[in-house]
Protein backbone atom coordinates (compact mmCIF):
# COMPACT_ATOMS: atom_id res chain seq x y z
CA MET A 1 -2.75 65.54 68.98
CA ASP A 2 0.36 66.96 69.93
CA ALA A 3 0.23 65.55 73.30
CA LEU A 4 -0.88 62.13 72.81
CA ALA A 5 2.32 61.70 70.23
CA ASN A 6 4.47 62.95 73.00
CA THR A 7 3.09 60.62 75.11
CA ARG A 8 3.66 57.77 72.95
CA ASN A 9 7.35 58.91 72.27
CA GLN A 10 7.85 58.75 75.92
CA THR A 11 6.22 55.21 76.42
CA MET A 12 8.63 53.86 73.80
CA GLU A 13 11.67 55.19 75.56
CA GLU A 14 10.53 53.95 78.71
CA ILE A 15 10.02 50.40 76.94
CA LYS A 16 13.69 50.55 75.15
CA ASP A 17 14.97 51.25 78.82
CA SER A 18 13.25 48.38 80.45
CA PRO A 19 15.25 45.27 81.39
CA ASP A 20 13.27 42.91 79.45
CA TYR A 21 13.43 44.67 76.28
CA ASN A 22 17.19 44.93 76.55
CA TRP A 23 16.74 41.25 77.53
CA PHE A 24 15.04 40.18 74.45
CA ARG A 25 17.27 42.55 72.24
CA SER A 26 20.74 40.44 73.98
CA THR A 27 19.05 37.17 73.26
CA VAL A 28 17.44 37.99 69.89
CA PRO A 29 19.49 40.12 67.80
CA LEU A 30 16.87 41.61 65.42
CA LYS A 31 19.19 42.40 62.72
CA ARG A 32 20.05 39.02 62.26
CA LEU A 33 16.48 37.43 62.60
CA GLN A 34 15.19 35.93 59.72
CA TYR A 35 12.06 33.96 58.77
CA PRO A 36 13.37 30.51 58.28
CA VAL A 37 12.54 28.36 55.62
CA TYR A 38 9.88 25.95 56.01
CA TRP A 39 7.67 24.22 53.39
CA ASP A 40 5.17 22.12 55.73
CA LEU A 41 3.11 23.93 58.31
CA MET A 42 4.11 21.23 61.06
CA GLU A 43 7.76 21.80 60.50
CA PHE A 44 6.98 25.30 61.10
CA CYS A 45 5.18 24.89 64.10
CA ASP A 46 7.71 22.63 65.77
CA GLY A 47 10.58 25.08 64.61
CA PHE A 48 8.53 27.84 66.64
CA ARG A 49 8.39 25.58 69.61
CA LYS A 50 11.92 25.27 69.67
CA LEU A 51 12.62 29.28 69.31
CA LEU A 52 10.22 29.47 72.36
CA ASP A 53 12.28 26.55 74.04
CA HIS A 54 15.55 28.36 73.36
CA LEU A 55 14.27 31.51 74.72
CA GLN A 56 12.85 29.55 77.99
CA LEU A 57 8.95 30.96 77.29
CA ASP A 58 6.49 28.99 78.56
CA LYS A 59 3.50 30.61 76.69
CA VAL A 60 3.26 34.04 75.03
CA HIS A 61 1.04 36.31 73.65
CA LEU A 62 1.18 36.24 69.85
CA PHE A 63 1.09 39.35 67.13
CA GLY A 64 0.28 37.92 63.60
CA ALA A 65 -0.51 39.73 59.94
CA SER A 66 -1.60 38.16 57.25
CA LEU A 67 0.03 34.75 56.50
CA GLY A 68 1.68 35.28 60.20
CA GLY A 69 -1.86 35.40 61.85
CA PHE A 70 -2.80 31.68 60.15
CA LEU A 71 0.85 30.37 61.30
CA ALA A 72 0.11 31.39 64.85
CA GLN A 73 -3.43 30.10 64.79
CA LYS A 74 -1.74 26.87 63.50
CA PHE A 75 0.92 26.89 66.34
CA ALA A 76 -1.74 27.25 68.93
CA GLU A 77 -3.64 24.15 67.54
CA PHE A 78 -0.50 22.62 67.26
CA SER A 79 0.35 23.11 71.03
CA CYS A 80 -3.14 22.77 72.52
CA LYS A 81 -2.39 19.81 74.47
CA SER A 82 0.68 21.75 75.98
CA PRO A 83 -0.45 24.84 75.55
CA ARG A 84 2.15 27.43 74.44
CA VAL A 85 0.21 30.45 73.26
CA HIS A 86 -2.31 32.56 75.74
CA SER A 87 -3.68 35.23 73.80
CA LEU A 88 -3.68 36.05 69.79
CA ILE A 89 -3.81 39.60 67.98
CA LEU A 90 -4.67 38.65 64.39
CA CYS A 91 -4.26 41.47 61.96
CA ASN A 92 -5.94 41.41 58.31
CA SER A 93 -5.83 37.47 59.12
CA PHE A 94 -7.43 34.04 57.79
CA SER A 95 -8.25 30.81 58.70
CA ASP A 96 -8.46 28.92 55.67
CA THR A 97 -5.99 28.89 52.66
CA SER A 98 -8.55 27.85 50.12
CA ILE A 99 -9.75 31.46 49.92
CA PHE A 100 -6.50 32.16 47.72
CA ASN A 101 -7.96 29.33 45.20
CA GLN A 102 -3.97 28.41 44.74
CA THR A 103 -3.94 24.91 46.98
CA TRP A 104 -3.57 22.81 43.49
CA THR A 105 -0.23 24.71 42.76
CA ALA A 106 0.87 25.20 46.62
CA ASN A 107 3.83 22.31 45.94
CA SER A 108 4.88 23.72 42.35
CA PHE A 109 6.30 27.09 43.88
CA TRP A 110 9.69 25.63 44.41
CA LEU A 111 9.99 25.34 40.84
CA ILE A 112 8.95 28.95 39.73
CA PRO A 113 12.02 31.74 39.33
CA ALA A 114 12.14 34.33 42.16
CA PHE A 115 11.04 37.24 39.70
CA MET A 116 7.43 35.08 38.81
CA LEU A 117 6.96 34.43 42.55
CA LYS A 118 7.68 38.27 43.31
CA LYS A 119 4.90 39.38 40.57
CA ILE A 120 2.53 37.01 42.20
CA VAL A 121 2.65 38.80 45.68
CA LEU A 122 2.78 42.25 44.12
CA GLY A 123 -0.85 41.58 42.17
CA ASN A 124 -2.14 41.76 45.94
CA PHE A 125 -0.56 45.11 46.50
CA ALA A 126 -2.76 48.14 46.50
CA LYS A 127 -3.50 50.03 43.07
CA GLY A 128 -4.59 53.65 42.85
CA PRO A 129 -3.96 56.32 44.74
CA VAL A 130 -2.93 55.73 48.35
CA ASP A 131 -2.07 58.78 50.93
CA PRO A 132 1.55 58.96 51.86
CA GLU A 133 1.46 56.40 54.85
CA MET A 134 0.15 53.77 52.90
CA ALA A 135 2.32 54.39 50.10
CA GLY A 136 5.44 54.48 52.47
CA ALA A 137 4.49 50.88 53.88
CA ILE A 138 3.65 49.63 50.46
CA ASP A 139 7.45 50.85 49.44
CA PHE A 140 8.90 49.22 52.43
CA MET A 141 7.23 45.98 51.93
CA VAL A 142 8.59 46.07 48.41
CA ASP A 143 11.69 46.66 49.56
CA ARG A 144 11.46 43.75 51.84
CA LEU A 145 10.36 41.57 48.82
CA GLU A 146 13.20 42.38 46.81
CA SER A 147 15.16 41.51 49.88
CA LEU A 148 14.07 37.85 49.53
CA ASN A 149 15.48 35.01 47.70
CA GLN A 150 13.67 32.59 45.89
CA ARG A 151 13.58 29.55 48.05
CA GLU A 152 12.34 32.54 50.94
CA LEU A 153 9.69 33.38 48.90
CA ALA A 154 8.62 30.06 47.53
CA SER A 155 8.26 28.45 50.87
CA ARG A 156 6.04 31.28 52.55
CA LEU A 157 3.71 31.17 49.37
CA THR A 158 3.77 27.04 49.66
CA LEU A 159 2.98 27.63 53.63
CA ASN A 160 0.12 30.71 52.45
CA CYS A 161 -1.46 28.34 49.86
CA GLN A 162 -0.85 24.76 51.18
CA ASN A 163 -4.52 23.28 52.08
CA SER A 164 -4.89 23.62 55.47
CA TYR A 165 -7.71 25.25 57.83
CA VAL A 166 -7.75 26.19 61.50
CA GLU A 167 -9.63 23.57 64.01
CA PRO A 168 -11.48 26.04 66.19
CA HIS A 169 -12.04 23.73 69.01
CA LYS A 170 -8.76 23.05 69.70
CA ILE A 171 -7.86 27.23 70.27
CA LYS A 172 -11.16 27.83 71.81
CA ASP A 173 -9.62 28.74 75.13
CA VAL A 174 -7.02 31.34 73.81
CA ALA A 175 -8.02 35.13 73.86
CA VAL A 176 -8.10 36.83 70.58
CA THR A 177 -8.46 40.24 69.22
CA LEU A 178 -9.08 40.60 65.37
CA ILE A 179 -8.04 43.82 64.00
CA ASP A 180 -9.08 44.55 60.30
CA VAL A 181 -9.35 47.28 57.95
CA PHE A 182 -12.80 48.62 55.97
CA ASP A 183 -10.87 49.74 52.75
CA GLN A 184 -9.22 47.30 50.18
CA SER A 185 -7.25 44.53 51.12
CA ALA A 186 -5.86 41.41 49.87
CA LEU A 187 -8.50 39.39 52.14
CA SER A 188 -12.13 39.31 50.84
CA LEU A 189 -15.01 40.02 52.80
CA GLU A 190 -16.29 36.31 53.31
CA ALA A 191 -12.50 35.52 54.74
CA LYS A 192 -13.40 38.23 57.30
CA GLU A 193 -16.84 36.98 57.91
CA GLU A 194 -15.26 33.19 58.57
CA MET A 195 -12.94 34.74 60.92
CA TYR A 196 -15.97 36.19 63.05
CA LYS A 197 -17.50 33.13 63.04
CA LEU A 198 -14.71 31.20 64.11
CA PHE A 199 -13.68 33.27 66.95
CA PRO A 200 -17.54 34.40 68.01
CA ASN A 201 -16.31 35.95 71.55
CA ALA A 202 -13.01 37.74 70.16
CA LYS A 203 -12.66 41.58 70.52
CA ARG A 204 -13.05 43.37 66.99
CA ALA A 205 -10.79 46.51 66.13
CA HIS A 206 -11.76 48.04 62.96
CA LEU A 207 -9.54 50.60 60.98
CA LYS A 208 -11.33 52.74 58.50
CA THR A 209 -8.13 52.53 56.29
CA GLY A 210 -4.73 50.74 56.17
CA GLY A 211 -4.79 48.49 53.20
CA ASN A 212 -2.79 45.53 53.42
CA PHE A 213 -0.46 46.78 55.88
CA PRO A 214 -2.22 48.84 58.59
CA TYR A 215 0.79 47.50 61.38
CA LEU A 216 3.08 50.12 59.11
CA CYS A 217 0.84 52.84 58.08
CA ARG A 218 -1.38 53.01 61.02
CA SER A 219 1.26 51.89 63.20
CA ALA A 220 -0.14 54.15 66.39
CA ASP A 221 -3.55 52.95 66.29
CA VAL A 222 -2.73 48.94 65.90
CA ASN A 223 -0.34 49.56 68.63
CA LEU A 224 -3.09 51.03 70.47
CA TYR A 225 -5.15 48.26 70.27
CA ILE A 226 -2.42 45.63 71.79
CA GLN A 227 -1.80 47.74 74.71
CA ILE A 228 -5.86 47.58 75.36
CA HIS A 229 -5.78 43.75 74.36
CA LEU A 230 -2.82 43.01 76.48
CA ARG A 231 -4.66 45.18 79.52
CA GLN A 232 -6.56 42.41 80.36
CA PHE A 233 -3.98 40.24 81.62
CA HIS A 234 -2.32 43.00 83.81
CA GLY A 235 -1.73 41.53 87.34
CA THR A 236 -1.31 37.75 86.17
CA ARG A 237 1.27 35.44 85.54
CA TYR A 238 1.19 36.55 82.02
CA ALA A 239 1.43 40.12 82.08
CA ALA A 240 3.16 41.51 79.22
CA ILE A 241 3.17 45.24 79.94
CA ASP A 242 4.94 46.62 83.23
CA PRO A 243 2.03 48.80 84.55
CA ALA A 244 4.23 51.50 85.64
CA MET A 245 5.13 52.03 82.08
CA VAL A 246 1.65 52.23 80.81
CA SER A 247 -1.18 53.02 83.12
CA GLU A 248 -4.95 52.23 83.17
CA GLU A 249 -5.64 55.67 82.74
CA GLU A 250 -3.22 56.73 79.68
CA LEU A 251 -4.64 53.54 77.64
CA GLU A 252 -8.13 54.91 78.76
CA VAL A 253 -7.32 58.63 77.58
CA GLN A 254 -5.61 56.49 74.24
CA GLU A 255 -8.53 54.24 73.92
CA CYS A 256 -11.23 57.48 73.98
CA HIS A 257 -8.95 59.61 71.62
CA LEU A 258 -9.02 56.52 69.07
CA LYS A 259 -12.72 55.68 69.13
CA THR A 260 -13.25 59.67 68.53
CA CYS A 261 -10.72 60.09 65.60
CA GLN A 262 -13.13 56.54 64.07
CA GLU A 263 -16.34 58.42 64.74
CA SER A 264 -15.07 61.62 63.13
CA ASP A 265 -14.01 59.47 59.93
CA GLU A 266 -17.28 57.69 59.98
CA GLU A 267 -18.94 60.89 59.65
CA GLN A 268 -16.97 62.02 57.01
């Protein structure tokens, strides 16, 4: 365990020293990067296209969780005639907003006070005892929720509940990995099954626990799945990881370690 943790820490230090990472940080100052206010899905997609144009990126790999995953799918669909998305990694995501049974109220969120909108969101958070990592993730997201003003929160809920669904035939050539959890989350089993049907050839990555925010409380495992997903593009124009930073052997060792941990959890 210590050796694996040291390897991961070393990898992160190498990433931070890489020219690509420094270029991105200088081009997009992360402390000032905010989720824009968009009230319409097509408006969001057009805005994201303009961001890629500004960054001079022709095609990208996108990671999205929950609403972020849905928006990533919609952007891939939006840009299908001139593809801008090379692959998708979707974590606890969905393909049809009707699962939330809120499409009839989507156009009313802009009228609702911020404290009531926050109550709606908090209603989807895990209740009952959770492990320290999950509790920390929930606390972090509650802090982030408190930092949003009424327009920011209302616009996101509008996008989340606006009547829309993904058209799979438009993104059938996009490589996809689906990451989900086996424990309680805001997504129903039916929503997960629908994602499996939508992307029958997608790679599946399962976590025994993680709740709504596995990318925070199970970040090491999620990061590993991301690396495994991106490994298929090594040596191509759209390689996202410098092979000198993460070797094939290291990924295989980490992948075996993750499988061992999962098998151990299942036996328990």
